[in-house]
């Protein structure tokens, strides 16, 4: 049996932080924004926005586009696709694990019932 592909640590680090998830949400709704415009939407500074955006860029979730003196940020379709695949893979692994736990619990339950029936006879 081959071991599963390793998790995308940069992605998980990026989406673990609620502030970065909020920035993703804003970019989903707005499509594109500067760091200043993003800072207007959140309770933290433009500098903090820039730091969070850098993490999201490193994870491949955000693109930047220079337009004269402005830098505009948007979500990366490719990065979101990779994130969706990663989350789906994780959900599948959890489902498999929960199924194994369920099977163990059912086996233990059946064995316990069987032992109780033997004691009563």
C-alpha atoms as a PDB file:
ATOM      1  CA  UNK A   1       0.000   0.000   0.000  1.00  0.00           C
ATOM      2  CA  UNK A   2       1.455   3.366  -0.984  1.00  0.00           C
ATOM      3  CA  UNK A   3       1.426   6.198   1.507  1.00  0.00           C
ATOM      4  CA  UNK A   4      -0.863   9.141   0.737  1.00  0.00           C
ATOM      5  CA  UNK A   5       0.461  12.294  -0.853  1.00  0.00           C
ATOM      6  CA  UNK A   6       1.731  14.729   1.815  1.00  0.00           C
ATOM      7  CA  UNK A   7      -0.497  17.607   2.829  1.00  0.00           C
ATOM      8  CA  UNK A   8       0.070  21.037   1.291  1.00  0.00           C
ATOM      9  CA  UNK A   9       1.442  22.711   4.427  1.00  0.00           C
ATOM     10  CA  UNK A  10       1.508  26.224   2.920  1.00  0.00           C
ATOM     11  CA  UNK A  11      -2.154  25.947   1.987  1.00  0.00           C
ATOM     12  CA  UNK A  12      -3.216  24.669   5.417  1.00  0.00           C
ATOM     13  CA  UNK A  13      -1.140  27.375   7.137  1.00  0.00           C
ATOM     14  CA  UNK A  14      -2.736  30.035   4.932  1.00  0.00           C
ATOM     15  CA  UNK A  15      -6.339  29.006   5.515  1.00  0.00           C
ATOM     16  CA  UNK A  16      -5.895  28.218   9.218  1.00  0.00           C
ATOM     17  CA  UNK A  17      -5.949  31.900  10.115  1.00  0.00           C
ATOM     18  CA  UNK A  18      -9.457  33.463  10.345  1.00  0.00           C
ATOM     19  CA  UNK A  19      -8.159  36.859   9.160  1.00  0.00           C
ATOM     20  CA  UNK A  20      -6.846  35.312   5.948  1.00  0.00           C
ATOM     21  CA  UNK A  21     -10.116  33.456   5.407  1.00  0.00           C
ATOM     22  CA  UNK A  22     -11.894  36.815   5.760  1.00  0.00           C
ATOM     23  CA  UNK A  23      -9.638  38.309   3.074  1.00  0.00           C
ATOM     24  CA  UNK A  24     -10.425  35.344   0.809  1.00  0.00           C
ATOM     25  CA  UNK A  25     -14.134  35.959   1.403  1.00  0.00           C
ATOM     26  CA  UNK A  26     -13.801  39.656   0.542  1.00  0.00           C
ATOM     27  CA  UNK A  27     -11.882  38.877  -2.641  1.00  0.00           C
ATOM     28  CA  UNK A  28     -14.538  36.314  -3.583  1.00  0.00           C
ATOM     29  CA  UNK A  29     -17.194  39.020  -3.274  1.00  0.00           C
ATOM     30  CA  UNK A  30     -15.251  41.934  -4.786  1.00  0.00           C
ATOM     31  CA  UNK A  31     -13.171  40.082  -7.352  1.00  0.00           C
ATOM     32  CA  UNK A  32     -10.191  42.397  -7.004  1.00  0.00           C
ATOM     33  CA  UNK A  33      -8.951  44.955  -4.464  1.00  0.00           C
ATOM     34  CA  UNK A  34      -5.907  46.860  -3.288  1.00  0.00           C
ATOM     35  CA  UNK A  35      -4.447  46.319   0.178  1.00  0.00           C
ATOM     36  CA  UNK A  36      -5.946  49.663   1.249  1.00  0.00           C
ATOM     37  CA  UNK A  37      -9.424  48.699   0.031  1.00  0.00           C
ATOM     38  CA  UNK A  38      -9.112  45.342   1.796  1.00  0.00           C
ATOM     39  CA  UNK A  39      -8.032  47.120   5.000  1.00  0.00           C
ATOM     40  CA  UNK A  40     -11.220  49.214   4.827  1.00  0.00           C
ATOM     41  CA  UNK A  41     -13.219  45.975   5.094  1.00  0.00           C
ATOM     42  CA  UNK A  42     -11.410  44.386   8.062  1.00  0.00           C
ATOM     43  CA  UNK A  43     -10.540  45.391  11.644  1.00  0.00           C
ATOM     44  CA  UNK A  44      -6.785  45.343  11.062  1.00  0.00           C
ATOM     45  CA  UNK A  45      -4.215  47.594   9.399  1.00  0.00           C
ATOM     46  CA  UNK A  46      -3.123  47.768   5.782  1.00  0.00           C
ATOM     47  CA  UNK A  47       0.271  46.441   6.894  1.00  0.00           C
ATOM     48  CA  UNK A  48      -1.406  43.406   8.465  1.00  0.00           C
ATOM     49  CA  UNK A  49      -3.440  42.937   5.276  1.00  0.00           C
ATOM     50  CA  UNK A  50      -0.208  42.999   3.262  1.00  0.00           C
ATOM     51  CA  UNK A  51       1.363  40.352   5.503  1.00  0.00           C
ATOM     52  CA  UNK A  52      -1.704  38.121   5.233  1.00  0.00           C
ATOM     53  CA  UNK A  53      -1.826  38.603   1.454  1.00  0.00           C
ATOM     54  CA  UNK A  54       1.845  37.559   1.236  1.00  0.00           C
ATOM     55  CA  UNK A  55       0.989  34.270   2.989  1.00  0.00           C
ATOM     56  CA  UNK A  56      -1.989  33.726   0.676  1.00  0.00           C
ATOM     57  CA  UNK A  57       0.206  34.452  -2.360  1.00  0.00           C
ATOM     58  CA  UNK A  58       2.850  31.987  -1.164  1.00  0.00           C
ATOM     59  CA  UNK A  59       0.119  29.340  -0.863  1.00  0.00           C
ATOM     60  CA  UNK A  60      -0.945  30.100  -4.438  1.00  0.00           C
ATOM     61  CA  UNK A  61      -4.373  31.424  -3.457  1.00  0.00           C
ATOM     62  CA  UNK A  62      -3.906  35.065  -4.470  1.00  0.00           C
ATOM     63  CA  UNK A  63      -2.597  36.788  -7.591  1.00  0.00           C
ATOM     64  CA  UNK A  64      -1.378  40.347  -7.854  1.00  0.00           C
ATOM     65  CA  UNK A  65      -1.653  42.725 -10.776  1.00  0.00           C
ATOM     66  CA  UNK A  66       0.174  46.027 -11.013  1.00  0.00           C
ATOM     67  CA  UNK A  67      -1.910  48.811 -12.481  1.00  0.00           C
ATOM     68  CA  UNK A  68       0.101  52.053 -12.689  1.00  0.00           C
ATOM     69  CA  UNK A  69       0.908  52.825  -9.021  1.00  0.00           C
ATOM     70  CA  UNK A  70      -1.595  50.359  -7.580  1.00  0.00           C
ATOM     71  CA  UNK A  71      -1.226  46.690  -6.840  1.00  0.00           C
ATOM     72  CA  UNK A  72      -4.519  44.826  -7.071  1.00  0.00           C
ATOM     73  CA  UNK A  73      -5.098  41.424  -5.556  1.00  0.00           C
ATOM     74  CA  UNK A  74      -7.489  38.733  -6.715  1.00  0.00           C
ATOM     75  CA  UNK A  75      -8.055  35.086  -6.007  1.00  0.00           C
ATOM     76  CA  UNK A  76      -6.245  32.542  -8.146  1.00  0.00           C
ATOM     77  CA  UNK A  77      -8.663  30.170  -9.881  1.00  0.00           C
ATOM     78  CA  UNK A  78      -5.909  27.581 -10.088  1.00  0.00           C
ATOM     79  CA  UNK A  79      -5.012  28.033  -6.422  1.00  0.00           C
ATOM     80  CA  UNK A  80      -8.641  27.689  -5.360  1.00  0.00           C
ATOM     81  CA  UNK A  81      -8.929  24.539  -7.456  1.00  0.00           C
ATOM     82  CA  UNK A  82      -5.874  23.060  -5.731  1.00  0.00           C
ATOM     83  CA  UNK A  83      -7.345  24.055  -2.345  1.00  0.00           C
ATOM     84  CA  UNK A  84     -10.670  22.412  -3.215  1.00  0.00           C
ATOM     85  CA  UNK A  85      -8.861  19.210  -4.212  1.00  0.00           C
ATOM     86  CA  UNK A  86      -6.848  19.257  -0.981  1.00  0.00           C
ATOM     87  CA  UNK A  87      -9.965  19.766   1.138  1.00  0.00           C
ATOM     88  CA  UNK A  88     -11.800  17.038  -0.757  1.00  0.00           C
ATOM     89  CA  UNK A  89      -8.895  14.634  -0.265  1.00  0.00           C
ATOM     90  CA  UNK A  90      -8.844  15.428   3.440  1.00  0.00           C
ATOM     91  CA  UNK A  91     -12.598  14.872   3.702  1.00  0.00           C
ATOM     92  CA  UNK A  92     -12.201  11.496   2.001  1.00  0.00           C
ATOM     93  CA  UNK A  93      -9.413  10.488   4.401  1.00  0.00           C
ATOM     94  CA  UNK A  94     -11.558  11.503   7.386  1.00  0.00           C
ATOM     95  CA  UNK A  95     -14.553   9.608   6.022  1.00  0.00           C
ATOM     96  CA  UNK A  96     -12.396   6.493   5.615  1.00  0.00           C
ATOM     97  CA  UNK A  97     -11.085   6.872   9.144  1.00  0.00           C
ATOM     98  CA  UNK A  98     -14.564   7.355  10.586  1.00  0.00           C
ATOM     99  CA  UNK A  99     -15.759   4.274   8.693  1.00  0.00           C
ATOM    100  CA  UNK A 100     -12.958   2.217  10.287  1.00  0.00           C
ATOM    101  CA  UNK A 101     -13.879   3.523  13.733  1.00  0.00           C
ATOM    102  CA  UNK A 102     -17.525   2.646  13.078  1.00  0.00           C
ATOM    103  CA  UNK A 103     -16.559  -0.889  12.032  1.00  0.00           C
ATOM    104  CA  UNK A 104     -14.457  -1.362  15.166  1.00  0.00           C
ATOM    105  CA  UNK A 105     -17.275  -0.057  17.376  1.00  0.00           C
ATOM    106  CA  UNK A 106     -19.822  -2.343  15.698  1.00  0.00           C
ATOM    107  CA  UNK A 107     -17.509  -5.351  16.067  1.00  0.00           C
ATOM    108  CA  UNK A 108     -16.930  -4.598  19.762  1.00  0.00           C
ATOM    109  CA  UNK A 109     -20.666  -4.129  20.259  1.00  0.00           C
ATOM    110  CA  UNK A 110     -21.448  -7.480  18.613  1.00  0.00           C
ATOM    111  CA  UNK A 111     -18.737  -9.233  20.642  1.00  0.00           C
ATOM    112  CA  UNK A 112     -20.079  -7.665  23.833  1.00  0.00           C
ATOM    113  CA  UNK A 113     -23.613  -8.813  23.020  1.00  0.00           C
ATOM    114  CA  UNK A 114     -22.342 -12.303  22.257  1.00  0.00           C
ATOM    115  CA  UNK A 115     -20.492 -12.529  25.597  1.00  0.00           C
ATOM    116  CA  UNK A 116     -23.569 -11.313  27.480  1.00  0.00           C
ATOM    117  CA  UNK A 117     -25.750 -13.903  25.742  1.00  0.00           C
ATOM    118  CA  UNK A 118     -23.260 -16.654  26.655  1.00  0.00           C
ATOM    119  CA  UNK A 119     -23.368 -15.577  30.325  1.00  0.00           C
ATOM    120  CA  UNK A 120     -27.168 -15.687  30.352  1.00  0.00           C
ATOM    121  CA  UNK A 121     -27.322 -19.226  28.913  1.00  0.00           C
END
